[in-house]
Amino acid sequence: MITAIVQFQLPATVDAAKAAELFQGSAPKYRALPGLVRKYYIYDKDTHTGGGCYLWESRAAAEKFYDAEWRQFITDRYGSAPKLSYFETPVIVDNVTGQTERHA
């Protein structure tokens, strides 16, 4: 499993409500996406940072998705280019299911 963190600068005029509206509008793009397990949209009002925390089945699946077209979509929609970081995700604690999963 791979966790990808995407961050981008939002215009100062984008508050939490507007960010949620923008995020909701892009959510269908991520449904049934091959290799994507889960996505969380993130927003920081103090720094006007938006982004997402993605859990992928593999780094290859993530890298396939984060292509030039996706980067341009993010830049056009939110006004700045995305910064992308990848992390190995060897253990996941899920309090909803009560399970701990190991992915090594």
PDB file of N, CA and C in Angstrom:
ATOM      1  N   MET A   1       0.840  -1.186   0.000  1.00  0.00           N
ATOM      2  CA  MET A   1       0.000   0.000   0.000  1.00  0.00           C
ATOM      3  C   MET A   1       0.879   1.241   0.000  1.00  0.00           C
ATOM      4  N   ILE A   2       0.381   2.256  -0.664  1.00  0.00           N
ATOM      5  CA  ILE A   2       1.075   3.539  -0.767  1.00  0.00           C
ATOM      6  C   ILE A   2       0.107   4.648  -0.368  1.00  0.00           C
ATOM      7  N   THR A   3       0.576   5.564   0.461  1.00  0.00           N
ATOM      8  CA  THR A   3      -0.170   6.777   0.754  1.00  0.00           C
ATOM      9  C   THR A   3       0.482   7.904  -0.022  1.00  0.00           C
ATOM     10  N   ALA A   4      -0.327   8.642  -0.748  1.00  0.00           N
ATOM     11  CA  ALA A   4       0.146   9.824  -1.464  1.00  0.00           C
ATOM     12  C   ALA A   4      -0.517  11.039  -0.839  1.00  0.00           C
ATOM     13  N   ILE A   5       0.293  12.039  -0.550  1.00  0.00           N
ATOM     14  CA  ILE A   5      -0.215  13.300  -0.022  1.00  0.00           C
ATOM     15  C   ILE A   5      -0.032  14.347  -1.114  1.00  0.00           C
ATOM     16  N   VAL A   6      -1.130  14.975  -1.478  1.00  0.00           N
ATOM     17  CA  VAL A   6      -1.117  16.040  -2.486  1.00  0.00           C
ATOM     18  C   VAL A   6      -1.482  17.333  -1.774  1.00  0.00           C
ATOM     19  N   GLN A   7      -0.699  18.385  -2.026  1.00  0.00           N
ATOM     20  CA  GLN A   7      -0.989  19.703  -1.457  1.00  0.00           C
ATOM     21  C   GLN A   7      -0.869  20.753  -2.556  1.00  0.00           C
ATOM     22  N   PHE A   8      -1.715  21.769  -2.458  1.00  0.00           N
ATOM     23  CA  PHE A   8      -1.645  22.898  -3.379  1.00  0.00           C
ATOM     24  C   PHE A   8      -2.158  24.140  -2.664  1.00  0.00           C
ATOM     25  N   GLN A   9      -1.655  25.259  -3.085  1.00  0.00           N
ATOM     26  CA  GLN A   9      -2.061  26.546  -2.519  1.00  0.00           C
ATOM     27  C   GLN A   9      -3.387  26.966  -3.125  1.00  0.00           C
ATOM     28  N   LEU A  10      -4.323  27.336  -2.266  1.00  0.00           N
ATOM     29  CA  LEU A  10      -5.613  27.841  -2.725  1.00  0.00           C
ATOM     30  C   LEU A  10      -5.614  29.364  -2.680  1.00  0.00           C
ATOM     31  N   PRO A  11      -6.403  30.002  -3.529  1.00  0.00           N
ATOM     32  CA  PRO A  11      -6.535  31.453  -3.432  1.00  0.00           C
ATOM     33  C   PRO A  11      -7.065  31.853  -2.049  1.00  0.00           C
ATOM     34  N   ALA A  12      -6.669  32.994  -1.561  1.00  0.00           N
ATOM     35  CA  ALA A  12      -7.092  33.477  -0.241  1.00  0.00           C
ATOM     36  C   ALA A  12      -8.611  33.612  -0.139  1.00  0.00           C
ATOM     37  N   THR A  13      -9.283  33.732  -1.252  1.00  0.00           N
ATOM     38  CA  THR A  13     -10.742  33.878  -1.262  1.00  0.00           C
ATOM     39  C   THR A  13     -11.473  32.555  -1.061  1.00  0.00           C
ATOM     40  N   VAL A  14     -10.749  31.437  -1.092  1.00  0.00           N
ATOM     41  CA  VAL A  14     -11.385  30.125  -0.914  1.00  0.00           C
ATOM     42  C   VAL A  14     -11.423  29.794   0.574  1.00  0.00           C
ATOM     43  N   ASP A  15     -12.640  29.826   1.134  1.00  0.00           N
ATOM     44  CA  ASP A  15     -12.822  29.459   2.536  1.00  0.00           C
ATOM     45  C   ASP A  15     -13.216  27.981   2.610  1.00  0.00           C
ATOM     46  N   ALA A  16     -13.505  27.499   3.808  1.00  0.00           N
ATOM     47  CA  ALA A  16     -13.823  26.087   3.997  1.00  0.00           C
ATOM     48  C   ALA A  16     -15.051  25.663   3.189  1.00  0.00           C
ATOM     49  N   ALA A  17     -16.066  26.508   3.143  1.00  0.00           N
ATOM     50  CA  ALA A  17     -17.280  26.173   2.400  1.00  0.00           C
ATOM     51  C   ALA A  17     -17.006  26.074   0.906  1.00  0.00           C
ATOM     52  N   LYS A  18     -16.236  27.021   0.382  1.00  0.00           N
ATOM     53  CA  LYS A  18     -15.901  27.002  -1.044  1.00  0.00           C
ATOM     54  C   LYS A  18     -14.999  25.819  -1.368  1.00  0.00           C
ATOM     55  N   ALA A  19     -14.049  25.521  -0.479  1.00  0.00           N
ATOM     56  CA  ALA A  19     -13.172  24.367  -0.686  1.00  0.00           C
ATOM     57  C   ALA A  19     -14.006  23.086  -0.745  1.00  0.00           C
ATOM     58  N   ALA A  20     -14.947  22.944   0.186  1.00  0.00           N
ATOM     59  CA  ALA A  20     -15.800  21.754   0.198  1.00  0.00           C
ATOM     60  C   ALA A  20     -16.608  21.645  -1.090  1.00  0.00           C
ATOM     61  N   GLU A  21     -17.091  22.772  -1.581  1.00  0.00           N
ATOM     62  CA  GLU A  21     -17.850  22.788  -2.837  1.00  0.00           C
ATOM     63  C   GLU A  21     -16.966  22.334  -4.004  1.00  0.00           C
ATOM     64  N   LEU A  22     -15.759  22.869  -4.080  1.00  0.00           N
ATOM     65  CA  LEU A  22     -14.827  22.475  -5.140  1.00  0.00           C
ATOM     66  C   LEU A  22     -14.467  20.993  -5.035  1.00  0.00           C
ATOM     67  N   PHE A  23     -14.196  20.541  -3.820  1.00  0.00           N
ATOM     68  CA  PHE A  23     -13.823  19.144  -3.612  1.00  0.00           C
ATOM     69  C   PHE A  23     -14.974  18.218  -3.993  1.00  0.00           C
ATOM     70  N   GLN A  24     -16.177  18.559  -3.554  1.00  0.00           N
ATOM     71  CA  GLN A  24     -17.349  17.736  -3.886  1.00  0.00           C
ATOM     72  C   GLN A  24     -17.521  17.634  -5.396  1.00  0.00           C
ATOM     73  N   GLY A  25     -17.246  18.725  -6.094  1.00  0.00           N
ATOM     74  CA  GLY A  25     -17.386  18.729  -7.544  1.00  0.00           C
ATOM     75  C   GLY A  25     -16.405  17.815  -8.249  1.00  0.00           C
ATOM     76  N   SER A  26     -15.243  17.593  -7.649  1.00  0.00           N
ATOM     77  CA  SER A  26     -14.258  16.720  -8.291  1.00  0.00           C
ATOM     78  C   SER A  26     -14.355  15.269  -7.804  1.00  0.00           C
ATOM     79  N   ALA A  27     -15.117  15.011  -6.759  1.00  0.00           N
ATOM     80  CA  ALA A  27     -15.185  13.669  -6.178  1.00  0.00           C
ATOM     81  C   ALA A  27     -15.558  12.565  -7.179  1.00  0.00           C
ATOM     82  N   PRO A  28     -16.512  12.788  -8.087  1.00  0.00           N
ATOM     83  CA  PRO A  28     -16.853  11.709  -9.026  1.00  0.00           C
ATOM     84  C   PRO A  28     -15.658  11.224  -9.863  1.00  0.00           C
ATOM     85  N   LYS A  29     -14.685  12.083 -10.075  1.00  0.00           N
ATOM     86  CA  LYS A  29     -13.495  11.714 -10.858  1.00  0.00           C
ATOM     87  C   LYS A  29     -12.720  10.586 -10.186  1.00  0.00           C
ATOM     88  N   TYR A  30     -12.876  10.425  -8.879  1.00  0.00           N
ATOM     89  CA  TYR A  30     -12.089   9.458  -8.121  1.00  0.00           C
ATOM     90  C   TYR A  30     -12.849   8.173  -7.792  1.00  0.00           C
ATOM     91  N   ARG A  31     -14.129   8.118  -8.077  1.00  0.00           N
ATOM     92  CA  ARG A  31     -14.912   6.906  -7.812  1.00  0.00           C
ATOM     93  C   ARG A  31     -14.523   5.816  -8.800  1.00  0.00           C
ATOM     94  N   ALA A  32     -14.373   4.615  -8.303  1.00  0.00           N
ATOM     95  CA  ALA A  32     -14.054   3.438  -9.124  1.00  0.00           C
ATOM     96  C   ALA A  32     -12.743   3.603  -9.888  1.00  0.00           C
ATOM     97  N   LEU A  33     -11.836   4.402  -9.363  1.00  0.00           N
ATOM     98  CA  LEU A  33     -10.541   4.621  -9.996  1.00  0.00           C
ATOM     99  C   LEU A  33      -9.659   3.401  -9.735  1.00  0.00           C
ATOM    100  N   PRO A  34      -9.125   2.780 -10.778  1.00  0.00           N
ATOM    101  CA  PRO A  34      -8.304   1.581 -10.582  1.00  0.00           C
ATOM    102  C   PRO A  34      -7.134   1.832  -9.625  1.00  0.00           C
ATOM    103  N   GLY A  35      -7.043   1.001  -8.605  1.00  0.00           N
ATOM    104  CA  GLY A  35      -5.943   1.066  -7.663  1.00  0.00           C
ATOM    105  C   GLY A  35      -6.152   1.985  -6.478  1.00  0.00           C
ATOM    106  N   LEU A  36      -7.153   2.869  -6.536  1.00  0.00           N
ATOM    107  CA  LEU A  36      -7.403   3.789  -5.425  1.00  0.00           C
ATOM    108  C   LEU A  36      -8.299   3.110  -4.391  1.00  0.00           C
ATOM    109  N   VAL A  37      -7.809   3.041  -3.171  1.00  0.00           N
ATOM    110  CA  VAL A  37      -8.576   2.440  -2.076  1.00  0.00           C
ATOM    111  C   VAL A  37      -9.457   3.489  -1.418  1.00  0.00           C
ATOM    112  N   ARG A  38      -8.875   4.669  -1.146  1.00  0.00           N
ATOM    113  CA  ARG A  38      -9.591   5.698  -0.393  1.00  0.00           C
ATOM    114  C   ARG A  38      -8.951   7.055  -0.663  1.00  0.00           C
ATOM    115  N   LYS A  39      -9.754   8.085  -0.565  1.00  0.00           N
ATOM    116  CA  LYS A  39      -9.245   9.450  -0.687  1.00  0.00           C
ATOM    117  C   LYS A  39      -9.902  10.326   0.361  1.00  0.00           C
ATOM    118  N   TYR A  40      -9.079  11.158   1.007  1.00  0.00           N
ATOM    119  CA  TYR A  40      -9.569  12.178   1.928  1.00  0.00           C
ATOM    120  C   TYR A  40      -9.170  13.536   1.359  1.00  0.00           C
ATOM    121  N   TYR A  41     -10.108  14.430   1.228  1.00  0.00           N
ATOM    122  CA  TYR A  41      -9.787  15.807   0.864  1.00  0.00           C
ATOM    123  C   TYR A  41      -9.328  16.535   2.123  1.00  0.00           C
ATOM    124  N   ILE A  42      -8.339  17.393   1.987  1.00  0.00           N
ATOM    125  CA  ILE A  42      -7.816  18.128   3.144  1.00  0.00           C
ATOM    126  C   ILE A  42      -7.811  19.624   2.853  1.00  0.00           C
ATOM    127  N   TYR A  43      -7.957  20.409   3.923  1.00  0.00           N
ATOM    128  CA  TYR A  43      -8.008  21.865   3.800  1.00  0.00           C
ATOM    129  C   TYR A  43      -7.472  22.491   5.081  1.00  0.00           C
ATOM    130  N   ASP A  44      -6.611  23.494   4.934  1.00  0.00           N
ATOM    131  CA  ASP A  44      -6.077  24.241   6.082  1.00  0.00           C
ATOM    132  C   ASP A  44      -6.425  25.710   5.886  1.00  0.00           C
ATOM    133  N   LYS A  45      -7.329  26.217   6.712  1.00  0.00           N
ATOM    134  CA  LYS A  45      -7.782  27.602   6.564  1.00  0.00           C
ATOM    135  C   LYS A  45      -6.689  28.609   6.861  1.00  0.00           C
ATOM    136  N   ASP A  46      -5.753  28.279   7.745  1.00  0.00           N
ATOM    137  CA  ASP A  46      -4.708  29.232   8.112  1.00  0.00           C
ATOM    138  C   ASP A  46      -3.698  29.466   6.995  1.00  0.00           C
ATOM    139  N   THR A  47      -3.410  28.427   6.230  1.00  0.00           N
ATOM    140  CA  THR A  47      -2.415  28.559   5.161  1.00  0.00           C
ATOM    141  C   THR A  47      -3.036  28.531   3.769  1.00  0.00           C
ATOM    142  N   HIS A  48      -4.356  28.370   3.706  1.00  0.00           N
ATOM    143  CA  HIS A  48      -5.074  28.238   2.427  1.00  0.00           C
ATOM    144  C   HIS A  48      -4.481  27.119   1.579  1.00  0.00           C
ATOM    145  N   THR A  49      -4.208  26.000   2.259  1.00  0.00           N
ATOM    146  CA  THR A  49      -3.690  24.823   1.580  1.00  0.00           C
ATOM    147  C   THR A  49      -4.817  23.820   1.415  1.00  0.00           C
ATOM    148  N   GLY A  50      -4.922  23.287   0.225  1.00  0.00           N
ATOM    149  CA  GLY A  50      -5.873  22.219  -0.051  1.00  0.00           C
ATOM    150  C   GLY A  50      -5.108  21.004  -0.534  1.00  0.00           C
ATOM    151  N   GLY A  51      -5.831  19.905  -0.682  1.00  0.00           N
ATOM    152  CA  GLY A  51      -5.173  18.715  -1.203  1.00  0.00           C
ATOM    153  C   GLY A  51      -5.941  17.459  -0.895  1.00  0.00           C
ATOM    154  N   GLY A  52      -5.197  16.365  -0.905  1.00  0.00           N
ATOM    155  CA  GLY A  52      -5.807  15.079  -0.649  1.00  0.00           C
ATOM    156  C   GLY A  52      -4.812  14.104  -0.061  1.00  0.00           C
ATOM    157  N   CYS A  53      -5.354  13.173   0.678  1.00  0.00           N
ATOM    158  CA  CYS A  53      -4.584  12.061   1.218  1.00  0.00           C
ATOM    159  C   CYS A  53      -5.187  10.812   0.570  1.00  0.00           C
ATOM    160  N   TYR A  54      -4.390  10.109  -0.213  1.00  0.00           N
ATOM    161  CA  TYR A  54      -4.872   8.988  -1.005  1.00  0.00           C
ATOM    162  C   TYR A  54      -4.220   7.701  -0.527  1.00  0.00           C
ATOM    163  N   LEU A  55      -4.981   6.640  -0.443  1.00  0.00           N
ATOM    164  CA  LEU A  55      -4.436   5.320  -0.183  1.00  0.00           C
ATOM    165  C   LEU A  55      -4.563   4.513  -1.476  1.00  0.00           C
ATOM    166  N   TRP A  56      -3.420   4.074  -1.983  1.00  0.00           N
ATOM    167  CA  TRP A  56      -3.348   3.341  -3.249  1.00  0.00           C
ATOM    168  C   TRP A  56      -2.906   1.902  -3.006  1.00  0.00           C
ATOM    169  N   GLU A  57      -3.331   0.993  -3.874  1.00  0.00           N
ATOM    170  CA  GLU A  57      -2.881  -0.395  -3.817  1.00  0.00           C
ATOM    171  C   GLU A  57      -1.392  -0.505  -4.115  1.00  0.00           C
ATOM    172  N   SER A  58      -0.879   0.385  -4.971  1.00  0.00           N
ATOM    173  CA  SER A  58       0.533   0.335  -5.347  1.00  0.00           C
ATOM    174  C   SER A  58       0.997   1.711  -5.808  1.00  0.00           C
ATOM    175  N   ARG A  59       2.292   1.900  -5.784  1.00  0.00           N
ATOM    176  CA  ARG A  59       2.850   3.158  -6.282  1.00  0.00           C
ATOM    177  C   ARG A  59       2.631   3.272  -7.791  1.00  0.00           C
ATOM    178  N   ALA A  60       2.706   2.153  -8.481  1.00  0.00           N
ATOM    179  CA  ALA A  60       2.483   2.169  -9.937  1.00  0.00           C
ATOM    180  C   ALA A  60       1.089   2.695 -10.270  1.00  0.00           C
ATOM    181  N   ALA A  61       0.083   2.288  -9.509  1.00  0.00           N
ATOM    182  CA  ALA A  61      -1.287   2.777  -9.743  1.00  0.00           C
ATOM    183  C   ALA A  61      -1.363   4.275  -9.498  1.00  0.00           C
ATOM    184  N   ALA A  62      -0.703   4.739  -8.434  1.00  0.00           N
ATOM    185  CA  ALA A  62      -0.712   6.172  -8.120  1.00  0.00           C
ATOM    186  C   ALA A  62      -0.013   6.959  -9.218  1.00  0.00           C
ATOM    187  N   GLU A  63       1.174   6.521  -9.597  1.00  0.00           N
ATOM    188  CA  GLU A  63       1.943   7.248 -10.609  1.00  0.00           C
ATOM    189  C   GLU A  63       1.234   7.272 -11.961  1.00  0.00           C
ATOM    190  N   LYS A  64       0.513   6.215 -12.265  1.00  0.00           N
ATOM    191  CA  LYS A  64      -0.245   6.187 -13.522  1.00  0.00           C
ATOM    192  C   LYS A  64      -1.318   7.275 -13.532  1.00  0.00           C
ATOM    193  N   PHE A  65      -1.931   7.504 -12.371  1.00  0.00           N
ATOM    194  CA  PHE A  65      -2.989   8.504 -12.284  1.00  0.00           C
ATOM    195  C   PHE A  65      -2.449   9.935 -12.288  1.00  0.00           C
ATOM    196  N   TYR A  66      -1.361  10.177 -11.566  1.00  0.00           N
ATOM    197  CA  TYR A  66      -0.819  11.531 -11.433  1.00  0.00           C
ATOM    198  C   TYR A  66       0.013  11.918 -12.651  1.00  0.00           C
ATOM    199  N   ASP A  67      -0.635  11.984 -13.780  1.00  0.00           N
ATOM    200  CA  ASP A  67       0.049  12.315 -15.031  1.00  0.00           C
ATOM    201  C   ASP A  67      -0.034  13.817 -15.318  1.00  0.00           C
ATOM    202  N   ALA A  68       0.475  14.231 -16.453  1.00  0.00           N
ATOM    203  CA  ALA A  68       0.480  15.651 -16.821  1.00  0.00           C
ATOM    204  C   ALA A  68      -0.942  16.210 -16.911  1.00  0.00           C
ATOM    205  N   GLU A  69      -1.873  15.415 -17.396  1.00  0.00           N
ATOM    206  CA  GLU A  69      -3.270  15.869 -17.515  1.00  0.00           C
ATOM    207  C   GLU A  69      -3.869  16.132 -16.124  1.00  0.00           C
ATOM    208  N   TRP A  70      -3.615  15.234 -15.165  1.00  0.00           N
ATOM    209  CA  TRP A  70      -4.112  15.420 -13.805  1.00  0.00           C
ATOM    210  C   TRP A  70      -3.481  16.666 -13.173  1.00  0.00           C
ATOM    211  N   ARG A  71      -2.172  16.835 -13.337  1.00  0.00           N
ATOM    212  CA  ARG A  71      -1.480  18.008 -12.777  1.00  0.00           C
ATOM    213  C   ARG A  71      -2.052  19.303 -13.348  1.00  0.00           C
ATOM    214  N   GLN A  72      -2.371  19.284 -14.632  1.00  0.00           N
ATOM    215  CA  GLN A  72      -2.961  20.480 -15.247  1.00  0.00           C
ATOM    216  C   GLN A  72      -4.372  20.716 -14.724  1.00  0.00           C
ATOM    217  N   PHE A  73      -5.143  19.645 -14.513  1.00  0.00           N
ATOM    218  CA  PHE A  73      -6.489  19.752 -13.947  1.00  0.00           C
ATOM    219  C   PHE A  73      -6.438  20.429 -12.579  1.00  0.00           C
ATOM    220  N   ILE A  74      -5.515  19.976 -11.730  1.00  0.00           N
ATOM    221  CA  ILE A  74      -5.381  20.557 -10.394  1.00  0.00           C
ATOM    222  C   ILE A  74      -4.982  22.032 -10.490  1.00  0.00           C
ATOM    223  N   THR A  75      -4.012  22.323 -11.334  1.00  0.00           N
ATOM    224  CA  THR A  75      -3.533  23.697 -11.502  1.00  0.00           C
ATOM    225  C   THR A  75      -4.656  24.606 -11.985  1.00  0.00           C
ATOM    226  N   ASP A  76      -5.408  24.147 -12.970  1.00  0.00           N
ATOM    227  CA  ASP A  76      -6.505  24.949 -13.513  1.00  0.00           C
ATOM    228  C   ASP A  76      -7.642  25.122 -12.497  1.00  0.00           C
ATOM    229  N   ARG A  77      -7.971  24.075 -11.781  1.00  0.00           N
ATOM    230  CA  ARG A  77      -9.119  24.112 -10.868  1.00  0.00           C
ATOM    231  C   ARG A  77      -8.836  24.923  -9.606  1.00  0.00           C
ATOM    232  N   TYR A  78      -7.601  24.810  -9.083  1.00  0.00           N
ATOM    233  CA  TYR A  78      -7.303  25.407  -7.784  1.00  0.00           C
ATOM    234  C   TYR A  78      -6.317  26.575  -7.832  1.00  0.00           C
ATOM    235  N   GLY A  79      -5.713  26.810  -8.989  1.00  0.00           N
ATOM    236  CA  GLY A  79      -4.873  27.991  -9.133  1.00  0.00           C
ATOM    237  C   GLY A  79      -3.407  27.818  -8.806  1.00  0.00           C
ATOM    238  N   SER A  80      -2.979  26.597  -8.481  1.00  0.00           N
ATOM    239  CA  SER A  80      -1.551  26.360  -8.258  1.00  0.00           C
ATOM    240  C   SER A  80      -1.226  24.897  -8.546  1.00  0.00           C
ATOM    241  N   ALA A  81       0.025  24.661  -8.867  1.00  0.00           N
ATOM    242  CA  ALA A  81       0.465  23.302  -9.176  1.00  0.00           C
ATOM    243  C   ALA A  81       0.519  22.454  -7.909  1.00  0.00           C
ATOM    244  N   PRO A  82       0.214  21.171  -8.017  1.00  0.00           N
ATOM    245  CA  PRO A  82       0.245  20.302  -6.842  1.00  0.00           C
ATOM    246  C   PRO A  82       1.657  19.871  -6.468  1.00  0.00           C
ATOM    247  N   LYS A  83       1.861  19.689  -5.169  1.00  0.00           N
ATOM    248  CA  LYS A  83       3.076  19.077  -4.638  1.00  0.00           C
ATOM    249  C   LYS A  83       2.683  17.679  -4.196  1.00  0.00           C
ATOM    250  N   LEU A  84       3.467  16.686  -4.576  1.00  0.00           N
ATOM    251  CA  LEU A  84       3.107  15.290  -4.355  1.00  0.00           C
ATOM    252  C   LEU A  84       4.191  14.576  -3.556  1.00  0.00           C
ATOM    253  N   SER A  85       3.782  13.833  -2.519  1.00  0.00           N
ATOM    254  CA  SER A  85       4.705  13.033  -1.708  1.00  0.00           C
ATOM    255  C   SER A  85       4.138  11.624  -1.585  1.00  0.00           C
ATOM    256  N   TYR A  86       5.022  10.629  -1.649  1.00  0.00           N
ATOM    257  CA  TYR A  86       4.628   9.231  -1.512  1.00  0.00           C
ATOM    258  C   TYR A  86       5.202   8.636  -0.228  1.00  0.00           C
ATOM    259  N   PHE A  87       4.420   7.735   0.400  1.00  0.00           N
ATOM    260  CA  PHE A  87       4.855   7.053   1.609  1.00  0.00           C
ATOM    261  C   PHE A  87       4.433   5.591   1.546  1.00  0.00           C
ATOM    262  N   GLU A  88       5.332   4.700   1.914  1.00  0.00           N
ATOM    263  CA  GLU A  88       4.951   3.307   2.120  1.00  0.00           C
ATOM    264  C   GLU A  88       3.955   3.275   3.273  1.00  0.00           C
ATOM    265  N   THR A  89       2.970   2.404   3.180  1.00  0.00           N
ATOM    266  CA  THR A  89       1.949   2.300   4.224  1.00  0.00           C
ATOM    267  C   THR A  89       1.909   0.846   4.705  1.00  0.00           C
ATOM    268  N   PRO A  90       2.808   0.479   5.617  1.00  0.00           N
ATOM    269  CA  PRO A  90       2.919  -0.923   6.018  1.00  0.00           C
ATOM    270  C   PRO A  90       1.831  -1.411   6.979  1.00  0.00           C
ATOM    271  N   VAL A  91       1.213  -0.496   7.736  1.00  0.00           N
ATOM    272  CA  VAL A  91       0.179  -0.888   8.695  1.00  0.00           C
ATOM    273  C   VAL A  91      -0.942   0.145   8.661  1.00  0.00           C
ATOM    274  N   ILE A  92      -2.168  -0.351   8.677  1.00  0.00           N
ATOM    275  CA  ILE A  92      -3.351   0.518   8.700  1.00  0.00           C
ATOM    276  C   ILE A  92      -4.220   0.098   9.881  1.00  0.00           C
ATOM    277  N   VAL A  93      -4.575   1.040  10.735  1.00  0.00           N
ATOM    278  CA  VAL A  93      -5.516   0.807  11.829  1.00  0.00           C
ATOM    279  C   VAL A  93      -6.861   1.377  11.387  1.00  0.00           C
ATOM    280  N   ASP A  94      -7.888   0.546  11.385  1.00  0.00           N
ATOM    281  CA  ASP A  94      -9.228   0.967  10.982  1.00  0.00           C
ATOM    282  C   ASP A  94     -10.161   0.809  12.174  1.00  0.00           C
ATOM    283  N   ASN A  95     -10.526   1.908  12.792  1.00  0.00           N
ATOM    284  CA  ASN A  95     -11.389   1.861  13.970  1.00  0.00           C
ATOM    285  C   ASN A  95     -12.854   1.622  13.629  1.00  0.00           C
ATOM    286  N   VAL A  96     -13.228   1.797  12.375  1.00  0.00           N
ATOM    287  CA  VAL A  96     -14.605   1.515  11.971  1.00  0.00           C
ATOM    288  C   VAL A  96     -14.829   0.009  11.921  1.00  0.00           C
ATOM    289  N   THR A  97     -13.882  -0.705  11.307  1.00  0.00           N
ATOM    290  CA  THR A  97     -14.009  -2.163  11.214  1.00  0.00           C
ATOM    291  C   THR A  97     -13.399  -2.882  12.407  1.00  0.00           C
ATOM    292  N   GLY A  98     -12.608  -2.158  13.198  1.00  0.00           N
ATOM    293  CA  GLY A  98     -11.937  -2.765  14.327  1.00  0.00           C
ATOM    294  C   GLY A  98     -10.757  -3.636  13.932  1.00  0.00           C
ATOM    295  N   GLN A  99     -10.190  -3.361  12.753  1.00  0.00           N
ATOM    296  CA  GLN A  99      -9.100  -4.189  12.243  1.00  0.00           C
ATOM    297  C   GLN A  99      -7.802  -3.404  12.126  1.00  0.00           C
ATOM    298  N   THR A 100      -6.712  -4.136  12.239  1.00  0.00           N
ATOM    299  CA  THR A 100      -5.397  -3.623  11.912  1.00  0.00           C
ATOM    300  C   THR A 100      -4.867  -4.477  10.783  1.00  0.00           C
ATOM    301  N   GLU A 101      -4.475  -3.819   9.697  1.00  0.00           N
ATOM    302  CA  GLU A 101      -3.991  -4.535   8.515  1.00  0.00           C
ATOM    303  C   GLU A 101      -2.512  -4.297   8.326  1.00  0.00           C
ATOM    304  N   ARG A 102      -1.807  -5.344   8.007  1.00  0.00           N
ATOM    305  CA  ARG A 102      -0.376  -5.217   7.700  1.00  0.00           C
ATOM    306  C   ARG A 102      -0.185  -5.419   6.205  1.00  0.00           C
ATOM    307  N   HIS A 103       0.538  -4.506   5.590  1.00  0.00           N
ATOM    308  CA  HIS A 103       0.810  -4.552   4.150  1.00  0.00           C
ATOM    309  C   HIS A 103       2.312  -4.434   3.946  1.00  0.00           C
ATOM    310  N   ALA A 104       2.997  -5.513   4.117  1.00  0.00           N
ATOM    311  CA  ALA A 104       4.459  -5.481   3.973  1.00  0.00           C
ATOM    312  C   ALA A 104       4.920  -6.274   2.779  1.00  0.00           C
TER     313      ALA A 104
END
